[in-house]
Amino acid sequence: MTRRNDRPSIESVAAAAGVSPTTVSHALSGKRAVSAATRKRVMEAVEQQNYRPNMVARGLRSRRTQSVALLLVDIANPYYPALARAIHDVLAGEGYVSFIGNTDGDAATERRLLEEMVARGVDGVVMQPMALSAAQVREVVGPAMPLVITTDEYGDIPADSVLTDDTRGLGEAVDHLVRQGIRELGFVDGAPGTSTDAFRLQAFRAAVTAAGIEVPDRWIEHSPFDREGGAAATARLLAGPDRPRAVLCANDLIAIGAVQAAHAAGLRVPEDVAIVGFDDIETAALVSPRLTTVVNPAAAVGDACARTILWRVENGPDVPRKRTVLPTRLVVRQSA
């Protein structure tokens, strides 16, 4: 009699199907051809016995665990679930699972989660480092771990990257405002010291410079990447004796908070102050006024991240780094 805690084995499946354990392995992995009839017998035996491959044993043999770590800044931000879903869909189609960790952009949390995922033997890491430097990330994961990052800060540190052309998107936003005669531009960026803060602010400065606009330092504010922070930062911008005529924001949650701050100050959007977001999360088209924003294609970024990490796992650390830059574009709605 089979005890309740006994797990069916590849040998028992092979016996039930009348084939060798090697044939079962080939039928399940798809790496070697087996006849349709044989595969049908194997899958029927797998289903009857409720067989599940031992991933630990498989990982010891292949030195792979068919798993990837995905470290996100804030899973409550609607941008990241869309990105994570795209990564999951690609990985699942290749037989991989993804482990998701939420870092809150905190250095200690980023390090702890990286250490935990490496200890679990993941085949690779996809992350947006917010607090750790490039060298610190590599120090934790080691020189050979497949690593895909979504910032462009890594210089000579071996890592593949998937980026969006933030300068192009913000440039379209600035041009759109200038065509309306608006040149007094403010910017609400993320928290100082984070990677997104550095690059999105850099992209904004490049966009206004290209348009021949000077932005005083007092019209640059910083905020957590959430609605409450955006409202507080925008309130500070609008409280001065001279205020910007438009406020561009580092993400849509900040921009939604900016709209709320403008209304609280008795200002009309966009008649008194125009507001532009970044990301184009679903909520951007649902708030009032509907948000003009830069499309940051979360699904396309996730798809590219997943395909890049799989490519790196297959090709190893010696192949030259891959850098993918995806386009952004402005969507004009009602807020600007």
Protein backbone atom coordinates (compact mmCIF):
# COMPACT_ATOMS: atom_id res chain seq x y z
CA MET A 1 0.00 0.00 0.00
CA THR A 2 1.24 3.51 -0.81
CA ARG A 3 1.52 5.66 2.30
CA ARG A 4 -0.15 9.07 2.21
CA ASN A 5 3.15 10.91 2.53
CA ASP A 6 4.83 8.90 -0.26
CA ARG A 7 5.41 11.09 -3.32
CA PRO A 8 5.06 9.54 -6.76
CA SER A 9 8.44 9.35 -8.48
CA ILE A 10 9.58 9.57 -12.06
CA GLU A 11 10.24 5.82 -11.83
CA SER A 12 6.62 5.09 -10.82
CA VAL A 13 5.35 7.26 -13.66
CA ALA A 14 7.65 5.41 -16.06
CA ALA A 15 6.36 2.05 -14.84
CA ALA A 16 2.74 3.13 -15.24
CA ALA A 17 3.38 4.43 -18.75
CA GLY A 18 5.51 1.45 -19.80
CA VAL A 19 8.53 3.58 -20.68
CA SER A 20 11.91 4.41 -19.17
CA PRO A 21 12.44 7.22 -16.62
CA THR A 22 14.58 8.95 -19.25
CA THR A 23 11.65 8.98 -21.68
CA VAL A 24 9.43 10.48 -18.96
CA SER A 25 12.01 13.20 -18.41
CA HIS A 26 12.18 13.94 -22.14
CA ALA A 27 8.39 14.04 -22.44
CA LEU A 28 8.08 16.50 -19.56
CA SER A 29 10.96 18.78 -20.49
CA GLY A 30 10.31 18.85 -24.22
CA LYS A 31 14.07 18.97 -24.84
CA ARG A 32 14.09 15.65 -26.69
CA ALA A 33 11.54 14.44 -29.19
CA VAL A 34 9.17 11.63 -28.18
CA SER A 35 6.26 10.28 -30.19
CA ALA A 36 2.81 11.72 -29.67
CA ALA A 37 1.52 8.37 -28.47
CA THR A 38 4.33 7.99 -25.92
CA ARG A 39 3.89 11.52 -24.63
CA LYS A 40 0.14 10.89 -24.27
CA ARG A 41 0.80 7.76 -22.15
CA VAL A 42 3.31 9.67 -20.01
CA MET A 43 0.97 12.60 -19.39
CA GLU A 44 -1.89 10.25 -18.50
CA ALA A 45 0.36 8.52 -15.95
CA VAL A 46 1.49 11.90 -14.58
CA GLU A 47 -2.12 12.97 -14.10
CA GLN A 48 -3.21 9.67 -12.55
CA GLN A 49 -0.39 9.71 -10.02
CA ASN A 50 -0.49 13.48 -9.43
CA TYR A 51 3.24 13.55 -10.11
CA ARG A 52 5.13 16.79 -9.64
CA PRO A 53 8.79 17.05 -10.64
CA ASN A 54 11.21 17.53 -7.77
CA MET A 55 12.53 20.99 -8.62
CA VAL A 56 15.26 20.83 -5.97
CA ALA A 57 16.68 17.63 -7.43
CA ARG A 58 16.33 19.00 -10.95
CA GLY A 59 18.14 22.16 -9.89
CA LEU A 60 21.02 20.17 -8.41
CA ARG A 61 21.45 18.28 -11.67
CA SER A 62 21.08 21.23 -14.03
CA ARG A 63 22.37 23.95 -11.70
CA ARG A 64 19.16 25.83 -12.49
CA THR A 65 16.02 26.27 -10.44
CA GLN A 66 13.80 27.66 -13.21
CA SER A 67 13.13 30.69 -10.99
CA VAL A 68 13.76 34.42 -11.26
CA ALA A 69 13.61 37.08 -8.54
CA LEU A 70 11.65 40.24 -9.32
CA LEU A 71 12.36 43.04 -6.86
CA LEU A 72 9.87 45.91 -7.15
CA VAL A 73 9.88 49.28 -5.47
CA ASP A 74 6.20 49.43 -4.52
CA ILE A 75 3.69 46.78 -5.55
CA ALA A 76 0.88 49.16 -4.51
CA ASN A 77 1.85 51.49 -7.37
CA PRO A 78 -0.30 50.39 -10.35
CA TYR A 79 2.69 50.59 -12.69
CA TYR A 80 4.48 47.67 -11.08
CA PRO A 81 1.72 45.02 -11.18
CA ALA A 82 1.44 45.63 -14.93
CA LEU A 83 5.19 45.18 -15.29
CA ALA A 84 5.19 42.10 -13.05
CA ARG A 85 2.33 40.48 -14.96
CA ALA A 86 4.21 40.83 -18.25
CA ILE A 87 7.33 39.29 -16.71
CA HIS A 88 5.29 36.46 -15.21
CA ASP A 89 3.59 35.65 -18.50
CA VAL A 90 6.86 35.35 -20.42
CA LEU A 91 8.63 33.37 -17.69
CA ALA A 92 5.69 31.02 -17.16
CA GLY A 93 5.64 30.25 -20.86
CA GLU A 94 9.21 29.00 -20.51
CA GLY A 95 8.56 26.95 -17.38
CA TYR A 96 9.92 29.52 -14.93
CA VAL A 97 8.41 30.89 -11.74
CA SER A 98 9.01 34.38 -10.38
CA PHE A 99 9.49 35.38 -6.76
CA ILE A 100 8.36 38.95 -6.05
CA GLY A 101 9.85 41.14 -3.35
CA ASN A 102 8.82 44.67 -2.37
CA THR A 103 11.79 46.92 -1.50
CA ASP A 104 10.17 50.34 -0.78
CA GLY A 105 13.36 51.78 -2.25
CA ASP A 106 15.13 51.08 1.06
CA ALA A 107 18.81 50.10 0.94
CA ALA A 108 18.65 47.58 3.79
CA THR A 109 15.56 45.93 2.29
CA GLU A 110 17.10 45.78 -1.17
CA ARG A 111 20.20 44.10 0.26
CA ARG A 112 18.24 41.66 2.43
CA LEU A 113 15.95 40.57 -0.41
CA LEU A 114 18.87 40.16 -2.79
CA GLU A 115 20.69 38.01 -0.24
CA GLU A 116 17.57 35.89 0.32
CA MET A 117 16.94 35.35 -3.38
CA VAL A 118 20.56 34.42 -4.06
CA ALA A 119 20.41 31.98 -1.12
CA ARG A 120 17.31 30.39 -2.69
CA GLY A 121 19.32 29.72 -5.82
CA VAL A 122 17.35 31.82 -8.31
CA ASP A 123 18.65 31.75 -11.86
CA GLY A 124 18.55 35.53 -12.20
CA VAL A 125 17.35 38.85 -10.80
CA VAL A 126 15.24 41.61 -12.36
CA MET A 127 15.13 44.78 -10.29
CA GLN A 128 15.00 48.54 -10.20
CA PRO A 129 17.68 49.50 -7.69
CA MET A 130 16.60 52.66 -5.87
CA ALA A 131 19.04 52.93 -2.98
CA LEU A 132 21.91 50.49 -3.52
CA SER A 133 24.64 51.42 -5.94
CA ALA A 134 25.60 49.30 -8.90
CA ALA A 135 28.70 48.01 -7.16
CA GLN A 136 26.68 47.10 -4.04
CA VAL A 137 24.16 45.08 -6.05
CA ARG A 138 26.93 43.16 -7.82
CA GLU A 139 28.68 42.60 -4.49
CA VAL A 140 25.56 40.84 -3.18
CA VAL A 141 24.62 38.76 -6.22
CA GLY A 142 28.15 37.93 -7.35
CA PRO A 143 29.88 38.52 -10.69
CA ALA A 144 28.11 35.82 -12.71
CA MET A 145 24.45 36.10 -11.60
CA PRO A 146 22.20 37.13 -14.53
CA LEU A 147 20.97 40.61 -13.64
CA VAL A 148 18.58 42.90 -15.52
CA ILE A 149 18.05 46.41 -14.21
CA THR A 150 15.69 49.19 -15.24
CA THR A 151 18.01 52.13 -14.64
CA ASP A 152 20.96 53.39 -16.68
CA GLU A 153 23.31 54.05 -13.81
CA TYR A 154 25.45 50.97 -14.06
CA GLY A 155 28.44 52.10 -16.09
CA ASP A 156 31.00 49.30 -16.29
CA ILE A 157 29.20 47.01 -13.81
CA PRO A 158 28.11 43.85 -15.71
CA ALA A 159 24.34 44.04 -15.98
CA ASP A 160 21.82 44.02 -18.78
CA SER A 161 19.32 46.86 -18.81
CA VAL A 162 15.84 47.67 -20.07
CA LEU A 163 15.11 51.39 -20.12
CA THR A 164 12.58 53.88 -21.37
CA ASP A 165 13.45 57.06 -23.24
CA ASP A 166 12.34 59.46 -20.51
CA THR A 167 13.95 62.45 -22.21
CA ARG A 168 11.90 61.92 -25.35
CA GLY A 169 8.62 61.67 -23.44
CA LEU A 170 9.30 64.69 -21.25
CA GLY A 171 10.53 66.56 -24.31
CA GLU A 172 7.15 66.00 -25.96
CA ALA A 173 5.45 67.23 -22.78
CA VAL A 174 7.56 70.39 -22.67
CA ASP A 175 6.96 71.07 -26.38
CA HIS A 176 3.20 70.59 -25.86
CA LEU A 177 3.21 73.18 -23.07
CA VAL A 178 5.39 75.64 -25.00
CA ARG A 179 2.99 75.50 -27.95
CA GLN A 180 0.33 76.74 -25.53
CA GLY A 181 2.56 79.64 -24.54
CA ILE A 182 3.52 78.09 -21.19
CA ARG A 183 7.22 78.40 -20.29
CA GLU A 184 7.05 78.69 -16.50
CA LEU A 185 7.62 75.01 -15.69
CA GLY A 186 8.01 73.30 -12.35
CA PHE A 187 8.88 69.67 -11.64
CA VAL A 188 8.01 67.33 -8.79
CA ASP A 189 10.56 64.54 -8.69
CA GLY A 190 10.90 61.44 -6.55
CA ALA A 191 12.67 61.23 -3.23
CA PRO A 192 16.27 62.52 -3.39
CA GLY A 193 18.96 59.87 -3.76
CA THR A 194 16.84 57.33 -5.63
CA SER A 195 17.73 56.14 -9.11
CA THR A 196 14.42 57.25 -10.64
CA ASP A 197 14.88 60.64 -9.02
CA ALA A 198 18.27 61.07 -10.64
CA PHE A 199 17.31 60.01 -14.16
CA ARG A 200 13.85 61.51 -14.46
CA LEU A 201 15.07 64.87 -13.16
CA GLN A 202 18.00 64.62 -15.57
CA ALA A 203 15.56 63.94 -18.41
CA PHE A 204 13.42 66.94 -17.41
CA ARG A 205 16.46 69.22 -17.33
CA ALA A 206 17.52 67.98 -20.77
CA ALA A 207 14.03 68.62 -22.13
CA VAL A 208 13.77 72.19 -20.84
CA THR A 209 17.32 72.98 -21.96
CA ALA A 210 16.46 71.79 -25.47
CA ALA A 211 13.45 74.15 -25.40
CA GLY A 212 15.59 77.08 -24.25
CA ILE A 213 13.83 77.32 -20.87
CA GLU A 214 15.51 78.08 -17.56
CA VAL A 215 13.85 76.56 -14.50
CA PRO A 216 14.74 78.13 -11.13
CA ASP A 217 15.74 75.74 -8.37
CA ARG A 218 12.74 76.83 -6.28
CA TRP A 219 10.47 75.27 -8.91
CA ILE A 220 11.99 71.81 -8.38
CA GLU A 221 10.42 69.78 -5.57
CA HIS A 222 10.85 66.23 -4.32
CA SER A 223 8.23 63.78 -3.12
CA PRO A 224 7.66 60.13 -2.31
CA PHE A 225 6.20 58.39 -5.35
CA ASP A 226 2.64 58.61 -4.04
CA ARG A 227 -0.42 60.84 -4.14
CA GLU A 228 0.03 62.31 -0.66
CA GLY A 229 3.62 63.29 -1.34
CA GLY A 230 2.70 64.79 -4.69
CA ALA A 231 0.00 66.91 -3.09
CA ALA A 232 2.35 68.21 -0.40
CA ALA A 233 5.16 68.98 -2.84
CA THR A 234 2.86 70.74 -5.30
CA ALA A 235 1.30 72.77 -2.48
CA ARG A 236 4.79 74.09 -1.70
CA LEU A 237 5.34 75.01 -5.36
CA LEU A 238 2.04 76.86 -5.58
CA ALA A 239 2.41 78.70 -2.28
CA GLY A 240 5.17 81.06 -3.37
CA PRO A 241 4.73 84.63 -4.61
CA ASP A 242 5.59 83.46 -8.09
CA ARG A 243 4.50 79.99 -9.10
CA PRO A 244 5.01 77.84 -12.17
CA ARG A 245 2.31 77.85 -14.79
CA ALA A 246 2.68 74.09 -15.27
CA VAL A 247 3.90 71.25 -13.07
CA LEU A 248 5.42 68.11 -14.56
CA CYS A 249 5.59 65.08 -12.27
CA ALA A 250 7.83 62.03 -12.01
CA ASN A 251 4.89 59.64 -11.96
CA ASP A 252 1.11 59.64 -12.21
CA LEU A 253 0.46 59.19 -8.50
CA ILE A 254 2.43 62.37 -7.80
CA ALA A 255 0.49 64.10 -10.60
CA ILE A 256 -2.88 63.06 -9.15
CA GLY A 257 -1.77 64.55 -5.85
CA ALA A 258 -0.69 67.69 -7.73
CA VAL A 259 -4.19 68.09 -9.18
CA GLN A 260 -5.64 67.80 -5.69
CA ALA A 261 -3.21 70.43 -4.37
CA ALA A 262 -4.13 72.82 -7.17
CA HIS A 263 -7.83 72.43 -6.42
CA ALA A 264 -7.18 72.94 -2.70
CA ALA A 265 -5.40 76.20 -3.56
CA GLY A 266 -8.43 77.39 -5.51
CA LEU A 267 -6.74 76.95 -8.88
CA ARG A 268 -8.30 75.48 -12.01
CA VAL A 269 -6.57 72.68 -13.93
CA PRO A 270 -5.43 73.34 -16.62
CA GLU A 271 -6.62 76.98 -16.91
CA ASP A 272 -4.55 78.25 -13.95
CA VAL A 273 -1.96 75.50 -13.71
CA ALA A 274 -1.35 72.59 -16.09
CA ILE A 275 -0.39 69.19 -14.68
CA VAL A 276 1.51 66.44 -16.54
CA GLY A 277 2.15 62.96 -15.18
CA PHE A 278 4.42 60.08 -16.12
CA ASP A 279 3.60 56.35 -16.58
CA ASP A 280 -0.01 56.40 -17.89
CA ILE A 281 -1.41 54.05 -15.25
CA GLU A 282 -5.05 53.10 -15.71
CA THR A 283 -6.20 55.66 -13.13
CA ALA A 284 -4.74 58.49 -15.21
CA ALA A 285 -7.70 58.29 -17.60
CA LEU A 286 -10.26 58.03 -14.78
CA VAL A 287 -9.49 61.04 -12.57
CA SER A 288 -10.99 64.48 -13.17
CA PRO A 289 -9.61 66.18 -15.12
CA ARG A 290 -8.23 63.23 -17.03
CA LEU A 291 -4.47 63.27 -16.79
CA THR A 292 -2.15 64.29 -19.59
CA THR A 293 0.85 62.02 -19.12
CA VAL A 294 3.88 60.37 -20.65
CA VAL A 295 3.31 56.72 -21.53
CA ASN A 296 5.87 54.53 -19.77
CA PRO A 297 5.03 51.12 -21.32
CA ALA A 298 4.99 48.83 -18.29
CA ALA A 299 3.97 45.70 -20.20
CA ALA A 300 6.61 46.22 -22.87
CA VAL A 301 9.26 46.86 -20.20
CA GLY A 302 8.27 43.70 -18.36
CA ASP A 303 8.26 41.63 -21.54
CA ALA A 304 11.73 42.89 -22.47
CA CYS A 305 13.07 42.29 -18.94
CA ALA A 306 11.85 38.69 -18.93
CA ARG A 307 13.21 37.91 -22.39
CA THR A 308 16.54 39.52 -21.51
CA ILE A 309 16.97 37.54 -18.28
CA LEU A 310 16.13 34.29 -20.09
CA TRP A 311 18.61 35.18 -22.83
CA ARG A 312 21.30 35.88 -20.24
CA VAL A 313 20.61 32.63 -18.36
CA GLU A 314 21.06 30.70 -21.60
CA ASN A 315 24.16 32.57 -22.81
CA GLY A 316 26.11 33.02 -19.60
CA PRO A 317 28.12 35.96 -18.25
CA ASP A 318 30.69 36.29 -21.03
CA VAL A 319 28.36 37.53 -23.77
CA PRO A 320 28.42 41.37 -24.07
CA ARG A 321 25.79 43.28 -22.14
CA LYS A 322 22.42 44.02 -23.71
CA ARG A 323 20.86 47.48 -23.37
CA THR A 324 17.26 47.90 -24.55
CA VAL A 325 15.68 51.36 -24.76
CA LEU A 326 11.91 51.54 -25.31
CA PRO A 327 10.17 54.66 -26.65
CA THR A 328 7.85 56.85 -24.63
CA ARG A 329 5.18 59.26 -25.88
CA LEU A 330 2.88 61.94 -24.57
CA VAL A 331 -0.86 61.28 -24.25
CA VAL A 332 -2.79 64.56 -24.20
CA ARG A 333 -5.98 64.53 -22.16
CA GLN A 334 -7.50 67.32 -20.06
CA SER A 335 -4.99 68.34 -17.36
CA ALA A 336 -2.56 70.08 -19.73
